[in-house]
Amino acid sequence: MRDSNEAATGKTLDITDATTWNPIDLTAVSAVRIKFREVGASTLTATIVCTLVAPLADGIVNMSWGLTDLDSISGDYEGEIELEYSSGRFLSVPDLLKFDVRAGF
């Protein structure tokens, strides 16, 4: 996970190049979740709990889809990243993830 508002050490910030963005330090984070739904829907399709990867200062998480997370029909989906801090506070990342689920072969 990276912050598009802050340059990584030794880089010049370029909003179009994620490699120049500063990693988000997850040291004080107890959980990262991705909530997703079909575009235009108000009901969540699923909430995926991510695994934090050490070193936490590098901002890396792994997301594992559940067996039924993508059982819905194909289409356009959007997701929101939520950070839960050890203090009990929450942060929802304002930028939505956009992705397309297509039918299998």
Protein backbone atom coordinates (compact mmCIF):
# COMPACT_ATOMS: atom_id res chain seq x y z
CA MET A 1 0.00 0.00 0.00
CA ARG A 2 1.33 3.42 -0.96
CA ASP A 3 0.44 7.06 -0.33
CA SER A 4 0.07 8.96 -3.61
CA ASN A 5 0.44 12.27 -1.72
CA GLU A 6 3.97 11.65 -0.42
CA ALA A 7 7.17 10.80 -2.27
CA ALA A 8 9.10 7.65 -1.39
CA THR A 9 12.59 8.13 0.01
CA GLY A 10 14.95 9.20 -2.79
CA LYS A 11 12.10 9.64 -5.32
CA THR A 12 10.38 12.63 -6.88
CA LEU A 13 6.64 12.32 -6.49
CA ASP A 14 4.85 11.52 -9.76
CA ILE A 15 1.12 11.01 -9.36
CA THR A 16 1.08 8.73 -12.43
CA ASP A 17 3.89 6.46 -11.17
CA ALA A 18 3.08 4.40 -8.06
CA THR A 19 6.74 3.44 -7.65
CA THR A 20 7.41 7.04 -6.55
CA TRP A 21 4.76 6.96 -3.79
CA ASN A 22 5.75 6.47 -0.16
CA PRO A 23 4.82 3.08 1.39
CA ILE A 24 2.16 3.31 4.10
CA ASP A 25 3.61 2.21 7.43
CA LEU A 26 1.25 -0.47 8.80
CA THR A 27 3.03 -0.85 12.16
CA ALA A 28 0.06 0.57 14.12
CA VAL A 29 -2.52 -1.27 11.98
CA SER A 30 -4.28 -4.33 13.40
CA ALA A 31 -6.28 -5.25 10.27
CA VAL A 32 -6.69 -4.39 6.59
CA ARG A 33 -9.95 -5.24 4.85
CA ILE A 34 -11.17 -4.88 1.30
CA LYS A 35 -14.92 -4.52 0.94
CA PHE A 36 -16.29 -4.93 -2.55
CA ARG A 37 -19.60 -4.78 -4.39
CA GLU A 38 -21.00 -4.54 -7.89
CA VAL A 39 -20.83 -1.01 -9.30
CA GLY A 40 -24.12 0.73 -8.50
CA ALA A 41 -25.09 -1.75 -5.76
CA SER A 42 -25.42 -0.88 -2.08
CA THR A 43 -24.97 -4.46 -0.81
CA LEU A 44 -21.46 -5.80 -0.28
CA THR A 45 -20.48 -8.87 -2.27
CA ALA A 46 -17.75 -9.77 0.24
CA THR A 47 -15.27 -8.44 2.76
CA ILE A 48 -11.77 -9.85 2.48
CA VAL A 49 -9.39 -9.67 5.45
CA CYS A 50 -5.83 -9.17 4.25
CA THR A 51 -2.67 -10.58 5.80
CA LEU A 52 -0.07 -8.05 6.94
CA VAL A 53 3.44 -8.83 5.64
CA ALA A 54 6.60 -7.96 7.61
CA PRO A 55 8.31 -5.56 7.67
CA LEU A 56 5.10 -3.58 8.29
CA ALA A 57 6.76 -0.27 7.43
CA ASP A 58 6.85 -1.43 3.78
CA GLY A 59 3.04 -1.35 3.54
CA ILE A 60 2.62 -4.83 2.02
CA VAL A 61 -0.51 -6.95 2.48
CA ASN A 62 -1.70 -10.17 0.86
CA MET A 63 -5.30 -10.55 -0.22
CA SER A 64 -6.73 -14.06 -0.56
CA TRP A 65 -10.08 -14.52 -2.27
CA GLY A 66 -12.46 -16.92 -0.52
CA LEU A 67 -13.95 -19.89 -2.36
CA THR A 68 -17.27 -18.11 -2.95
CA ASP A 69 -16.18 -14.44 -3.11
CA LEU A 70 -16.50 -14.36 -6.89
CA ASP A 71 -19.56 -16.59 -7.29
CA SER A 72 -21.67 -13.62 -8.41
CA ILE A 73 -22.32 -12.93 -12.05
CA SER A 74 -19.58 -11.33 -14.08
CA GLY A 75 -19.48 -7.56 -14.25
CA ASP A 76 -17.91 -4.39 -12.94
CA TYR A 77 -17.00 -4.16 -9.26
CA GLU A 78 -15.55 -1.58 -6.92
CA GLY A 79 -13.72 -2.05 -3.67
CA GLU A 80 -12.83 0.03 -0.64
CA ILE A 81 -9.73 -0.50 1.49
CA GLU A 82 -10.25 -0.11 5.23
CA LEU A 83 -7.43 0.10 7.77
CA GLU A 84 -8.18 -0.70 11.41
CA TYR A 85 -5.63 0.72 13.82
CA SER A 86 -4.62 -0.85 17.14
CA SER A 87 -6.16 2.22 18.84
CA GLY A 88 -9.60 1.17 17.53
CA ARG A 89 -9.73 3.92 14.89
CA PHE A 90 -10.55 3.22 11.25
CA LEU A 91 -9.41 4.77 7.97
CA SER A 92 -11.19 4.15 4.69
CA VAL A 93 -9.00 4.91 1.67
CA PRO A 94 -10.96 7.44 -0.44
CA ASP A 95 -9.92 6.02 -3.83
CA LEU A 96 -12.05 3.06 -4.91
CA LEU A 97 -10.46 0.03 -6.53
CA LYS A 98 -12.10 -0.77 -9.87
CA PHE A 99 -12.07 -4.26 -11.39
CA ASP A 100 -13.95 -6.43 -13.85
CA VAL A 101 -14.98 -10.00 -13.12
CA ARG A 102 -15.46 -11.95 -16.31
CA ALA A 103 -17.08 -15.30 -16.89
CA GLY A 104 -14.73 -18.31 -16.90
CA PHE A 105 -13.70 -20.18 -20.02
